[in-house]
Protein backbone atom coordinates (compact mmCIF):
# COMPACT_ATOMS: atom_id res chain seq x y z
CA UNK A 1 0.07 -0.01 0.04
CA UNK A 2 1.13 3.35 -1.00
CA UNK A 3 1.72 6.05 1.87
CA UNK A 4 0.47 9.28 1.81
CA UNK A 5 0.89 12.45 3.62
CA UNK A 6 -1.84 15.04 4.33
CA UNK A 7 -0.67 18.55 4.98
CA UNK A 8 -2.95 21.16 6.46
CA UNK A 9 -2.44 24.71 7.85
CA UNK A 10 -4.57 27.65 8.67
CA UNK A 11 -6.68 29.27 11.35
CA UNK A 12 -7.22 27.12 14.36
CA UNK A 13 -10.66 25.99 15.32
CA UNK A 14 -12.36 23.53 17.43
CA UNK A 15 -12.73 19.95 16.07
CA UNK A 16 -10.21 20.26 13.23
CA UNK A 17 -8.43 17.02 14.36
CA UNK A 18 -11.79 15.14 14.79
CA UNK A 19 -12.99 16.39 11.39
CA UNK A 20 -10.11 15.28 9.82
CA UNK A 21 -9.65 11.97 11.18
CA UNK A 22 -13.28 11.12 10.57
CA UNK A 23 -12.83 11.79 6.75
CA UNK A 24 -9.87 9.58 6.50
CA UNK A 25 -11.77 6.87 8.43
CA UNK A 26 -14.80 6.86 6.16
CA UNK A 27 -12.26 6.96 2.94
CA UNK A 28 -10.87 3.62 4.45
CA UNK A 29 -7.59 5.09 5.46
CA UNK A 30 -5.40 4.07 8.40
CA UNK A 31 -3.50 6.81 10.22
CA UNK A 32 0.17 5.67 10.70
CA UNK A 33 1.40 9.06 12.54
CA UNK A 34 0.09 12.46 13.19
CA UNK A 35 1.65 15.60 14.38
CA UNK A 36 0.04 18.97 15.01
CA UNK A 37 1.03 22.34 16.56
CA UNK A 38 -0.90 25.63 17.11
CA UNK A 39 1.02 28.73 16.93
CA UNK A 40 0.74 31.48 19.66
CA UNK A 41 -1.11 33.84 17.10
CA UNK A 42 -3.68 30.83 16.44
CA UNK A 43 -2.23 29.35 13.15
CA UNK A 44 -2.85 25.31 13.08
CA UNK A 45 -0.44 23.07 11.40
CA UNK A 46 -1.02 19.29 10.85
CA UNK A 47 0.94 16.41 9.17
CA UNK A 48 -0.93 13.34 8.89
CA UNK A 49 0.71 9.94 7.52
CA UNK A 50 -1.69 7.47 6.39
CA UNK A 51 -2.27 4.38 4.03
CA UNK A 52 -5.74 3.50 2.18
CA UNK A 53 -7.09 0.22 2.34
CA UNK A 54 -8.39 0.62 -1.27
CA UNK A 55 -6.82 2.64 -4.22
CA UNK A 56 -6.89 6.27 -3.04
CA UNK A 57 -8.61 8.98 -5.04
CA UNK A 58 -6.70 11.99 -3.39
CA UNK A 59 -9.29 14.78 -4.93
CA UNK A 60 -12.12 12.95 -3.44
CA UNK A 61 -10.51 12.98 -0.16
CA UNK A 62 -9.60 16.49 -0.40
CA UNK A 63 -13.28 17.43 -1.49
CA UNK A 64 -14.76 15.50 1.49
CA UNK A 65 -12.38 17.36 3.83
CA UNK A 66 -13.29 20.78 2.22
CA UNK A 67 -16.94 20.09 2.84
CA UNK A 68 -16.31 19.25 6.56
CA UNK A 69 -14.00 22.16 7.10
CA UNK A 70 -15.74 25.18 6.47
CA UNK A 71 -13.04 27.72 6.76
CA UNK A 72 -11.79 28.50 3.10
CA UNK A 73 -8.51 29.77 4.66
CA UNK A 74 -7.22 26.32 5.59
CA UNK A 75 -4.72 25.08 3.08
CA UNK A 76 -5.02 21.15 2.45
CA UNK A 77 -2.80 19.04 0.21
CA UNK A 78 -2.06 15.06 -0.14
CA UNK A 79 1.24 14.19 -1.30
CA UNK A 80 2.17 10.37 -1.92
CA UNK A 81 5.27 9.42 0.08
CA UNK A 82 7.82 9.14 -2.47
CA UNK A 83 11.40 10.17 -3.30
CA UNK A 84 11.29 13.93 -4.67
CA UNK A 85 12.83 14.89 -8.03
CA UNK A 86 15.77 17.36 -7.69
CA UNK A 87 18.32 19.23 -9.64
CA UNK A 88 21.49 20.29 -7.91
CA UNK A 89 23.29 23.72 -8.75
CA UNK A 90 26.97 24.11 -7.76
CA UNK A 91 30.06 26.35 -8.61
CA UNK A 92 33.45 25.12 -7.65
CA UNK A 93 33.30 23.66 -4.14
CA UNK A 94 32.80 19.95 -3.88
CA UNK A 95 32.01 19.08 -0.21
CA UNK A 96 28.45 19.55 -0.31
CA UNK A 97 27.71 17.95 -3.82
CA UNK A 98 30.06 15.11 -3.15
CA UNK A 99 28.22 14.43 0.03
CA UNK A 100 24.64 14.47 -1.75
CA UNK A 101 26.14 12.12 -4.57
CA UNK A 102 27.42 9.62 -2.12
CA UNK A 103 23.93 9.53 -0.21
CA UNK A 104 22.13 9.32 -3.53
CA UNK A 105 24.39 6.45 -4.60
CA UNK A 106 23.59 4.55 -1.43
CA UNK A 107 19.83 5.19 -1.45
CA UNK A 108 20.12 7.70 1.64
CA UNK A 109 18.79 10.84 0.30
CA UNK A 110 15.03 10.51 -0.01
CA UNK A 111 15.31 11.94 -3.46
CA UNK A 112 16.30 11.23 -7.13
CA UNK A 113 18.99 13.59 -8.48
CA UNK A 114 17.92 14.32 -12.09
CA UNK A 115 20.70 16.42 -13.24
CA UNK A 116 23.82 18.90 -11.82
CA UNK A 117 23.93 22.44 -13.17
CA UNK A 118 26.97 24.45 -12.85
CA UNK A 119 28.53 27.70 -13.86
CA UNK A 120 31.81 26.06 -14.21
CA UNK A 121 32.81 22.56 -15.53
CA UNK A 122 35.32 21.80 -12.81
CA UNK A 123 33.15 19.01 -10.80
CA UNK A 124 32.03 17.36 -14.20
CA UNK A 125 34.38 14.73 -13.57
CA UNK A 126 32.99 13.99 -10.26
CA UNK A 127 29.28 13.83 -11.34
CA UNK A 128 30.06 11.72 -14.34
CA UNK A 129 31.36 8.89 -12.00
CA UNK A 130 27.62 8.74 -10.62
CA UNK A 131 26.11 8.56 -14.12
CA UNK A 132 24.12 11.73 -13.59
CA UNK A 133 23.65 14.18 -16.41
CA UNK A 134 26.04 17.27 -15.87
CA UNK A 135 25.14 20.48 -17.55
CA UNK A 136 27.93 23.36 -17.78
CA UNK A 137 26.13 26.70 -18.30
CA UNK A 138 28.87 29.31 -18.31
CA UNK A 139 27.90 32.86 -17.07
CA UNK A 140 30.78 34.49 -18.99
CA UNK A 141 29.81 37.03 -21.60
CA UNK A 142 26.37 36.93 -20.32
CA UNK A 143 24.26 39.15 -18.33
CA UNK A 144 22.76 37.73 -15.16
CA UNK A 145 19.42 37.62 -16.81
CA UNK A 146 20.85 35.68 -19.95
CA UNK A 147 22.72 33.32 -17.54
CA UNK A 148 19.45 32.51 -15.58
CA UNK A 149 17.31 32.02 -18.54
CA UNK A 150 19.72 29.45 -19.81
CA UNK A 151 19.73 27.74 -16.52
CA UNK A 152 15.84 27.84 -16.28
CA UNK A 153 15.78 26.21 -19.96
CA UNK A 154 17.92 23.47 -18.47
CA UNK A 155 15.50 23.05 -15.43
CA UNK A 156 12.63 23.07 -17.80
CA UNK A 157 13.93 19.56 -19.29
CA UNK A 158 13.84 17.83 -15.89
CA UNK A 159 10.83 19.48 -14.14
CA UNK A 160 12.41 19.13 -10.52
CA UNK A 161 10.34 19.47 -7.59
CA UNK A 162 13.14 21.18 -5.67
CA UNK A 163 16.35 22.95 -6.73
CA UNK A 164 19.16 22.41 -4.15
CA UNK A 165 22.09 25.01 -3.96
CA UNK A 166 25.16 23.09 -3.28
CA UNK A 167 27.43 26.05 -2.55
CA UNK A 168 26.14 27.64 -5.84
CA UNK A 169 27.99 30.72 -5.15
CA UNK A 170 25.66 33.34 -7.40
CA UNK A 171 22.75 35.49 -6.33
CA UNK A 172 19.54 34.49 -7.75
CA UNK A 173 17.20 37.21 -9.18
CA UNK A 174 13.54 37.41 -7.91
CA UNK A 175 12.44 36.47 -11.36
CA UNK A 176 14.41 33.15 -11.06
CA UNK A 177 13.19 32.45 -7.47
CA UNK A 178 9.68 33.00 -8.63
CA UNK A 179 9.95 30.09 -11.04
CA UNK A 180 10.55 27.89 -7.81
CA UNK A 181 8.90 29.79 -5.08
CA UNK A 182 9.55 27.97 -1.77
CA UNK A 183 11.33 25.18 -3.80
CA UNK A 184 14.94 26.43 -3.60
CA UNK A 185 16.82 25.00 -0.70
CA UNK A 186 20.58 26.84 0.06
CA UNK A 187 23.19 26.07 2.49
CA UNK A 188 25.03 28.97 3.90
CA UNK A 189 28.34 29.12 5.60
CA UNK A 190 27.15 30.84 8.77
CA UNK A 191 24.90 30.37 11.89
CA UNK A 192 22.67 33.28 10.23
CA UNK A 193 22.71 36.12 10.69
CA UNK A 194 26.52 36.73 10.69
CA UNK A 195 29.49 37.39 8.51
CA UNK A 196 27.70 37.72 5.10
CA UNK A 197 29.94 38.27 1.89
CA UNK A 198 33.23 37.07 0.79
CA UNK A 199 35.80 35.14 3.06
CA UNK A 200 33.24 34.29 6.05
CA UNK A 201 35.76 32.19 7.76
CA UNK A 202 38.52 34.94 7.64
CA UNK A 203 35.98 37.36 9.08
CA UNK A 204 35.04 34.88 11.92
CA UNK A 205 38.74 34.42 12.86
CA UNK A 206 39.63 38.11 12.99
CA UNK A 207 36.56 38.77 15.31
CA UNK A 208 37.66 35.72 17.49
CA UNK A 209 34.60 33.76 17.33
CA UNK A 210 33.84 30.86 19.78
CA UNK A 211 31.29 29.17 17.31
CA UNK A 212 31.18 28.44 13.79
CA UNK A 213 27.98 26.97 11.91
CA UNK A 214 25.76 26.73 8.84
CA UNK A 215 22.28 27.39 8.02
CA UNK A 216 20.15 25.77 5.44
CA UNK A 217 17.23 27.92 4.41
CA UNK A 218 14.65 28.33 1.61
CA UNK A 219 15.60 31.16 -0.96
CA UNK A 220 13.49 34.11 -1.31
CA UNK A 221 14.00 37.62 -2.71
CA UNK A 222 16.03 38.76 0.41
CA UNK A 223 19.76 37.64 0.17
CA UNK A 224 20.21 34.66 2.87
CA UNK A 225 17.09 35.92 4.68
CA UNK A 226 14.70 33.00 3.63
CA UNK A 227 12.95 30.79 6.05
CA UNK A 228 15.43 28.68 8.12
CA UNK A 229 15.13 25.01 7.94
CA UNK A 230 18.05 23.74 9.74
CA UNK A 231 20.99 25.09 11.58
CA UNK A 232 24.19 23.55 13.57
CA UNK A 233 27.42 24.78 15.05
CA UNK A 234 30.88 23.65 16.35
CA UNK A 235 32.83 25.18 19.01
CA UNK A 236 36.25 26.63 18.23
CA UNK A 237 38.99 28.41 20.14
CA UNK A 238 41.78 30.82 19.71
CA UNK A 239 44.03 27.93 18.43
CA UNK A 240 41.86 27.63 15.15
CA UNK A 241 43.18 29.36 12.24
CA UNK A 242 40.57 30.75 9.61
CA UNK A 243 41.75 27.56 7.52
CA UNK A 244 40.93 25.38 10.30
CA UNK A 245 37.49 26.92 10.64
CA UNK A 246 36.74 26.37 7.01
CA UNK A 247 37.96 22.75 7.23
CA UNK A 248 35.59 22.17 9.94
CA UNK A 249 32.80 24.43 8.73
CA UNK A 250 32.54 22.38 5.43
CA UNK A 251 31.51 19.28 7.72
CA UNK A 252 28.86 21.35 9.43
CA UNK A 253 27.68 22.42 6.20
CA UNK A 254 27.18 18.99 4.63
CA UNK A 255 25.52 17.82 7.83
CA UNK A 256 23.06 20.71 7.92
CA UNK A 257 22.07 20.54 4.35
CA UNK A 258 21.50 16.62 4.66
CA UNK A 259 19.30 17.46 7.73
CA UNK A 260 17.29 20.23 6.15
CA UNK A 261 16.82 18.01 2.82
CA UNK A 262 15.47 15.24 4.88
CA UNK A 263 12.80 17.16 6.42
CA UNK A 264 11.95 19.04 3.17
CA UNK A 265 11.72 15.85 1.29
CA UNK A 266 9.55 14.09 3.97
CA UNK A 267 6.90 16.98 3.89
CA UNK A 268 7.75 18.02 7.16
CA UNK A 269 8.25 21.65 6.63
CA UNK A 270 5.59 24.33 6.63
CA UNK A 271 6.53 27.93 5.62
CA UNK A 272 4.55 30.49 7.70
CA UNK A 273 5.59 34.12 6.86
CA UNK A 274 9.51 34.22 6.83
CA UNK A 275 9.75 31.18 9.55
CA UNK A 276 9.18 27.49 9.22
CA UNK A 277 7.12 25.08 11.33
CA UNK A 278 8.75 21.47 11.38
CA UNK A 279 6.47 18.74 12.16
């Protein structure tokens, strides 16, 4: 039996859980797990994982739910529990891409990497070892708009559900982001907000920081300020050089990106304003 995930968010009201579980019962569905949360301002979030004893008609279930849940402000969607189709964008650094490729190779990613796209061809030999299409889309002699149009044409071939920025070191325009709203995940080399711009580990070293970290977030129109999915840190001291920080920071980046993607690919992340709720 195929597992499905019902995602629900909107204004809180009495009896929502009862109404949802009743509709699923009437549609011969068995609930495997359920998590819910009500925010201080009265927003309700729920993730329900279930299976159907007969072939499921998601549209019928959604119709039944909408007829029982009268608030039109409630968002409802049903996703089959399956691997997500993704395309990875990268530049020159290999550590995040390498980690994703290895996890994909050993079926640990909860995703299908359909292709890798880069504005340099440096990582093509690495990607080819895994039998994944590699697209070199150079930015040289192109405006940002022309370069992004070329990348979008490449993405159109694959129709990914998510785009993962594995150290893709170019700023995306609002026009590009609009094509994949809330579907672009980035890994940032700081425990945000801190040390934006070039040479973050040198900046951190010069400030004498005591922790370094990484942040995975959705991309929106504000540079590195999209809804945060996952973060982690590592303690450092005065004996660390900025090169030591960069080395250990890469390990944190890999783990945080993997953690964030696992949450996203398993439909556990709700975006609410510029924050996330994770169930």
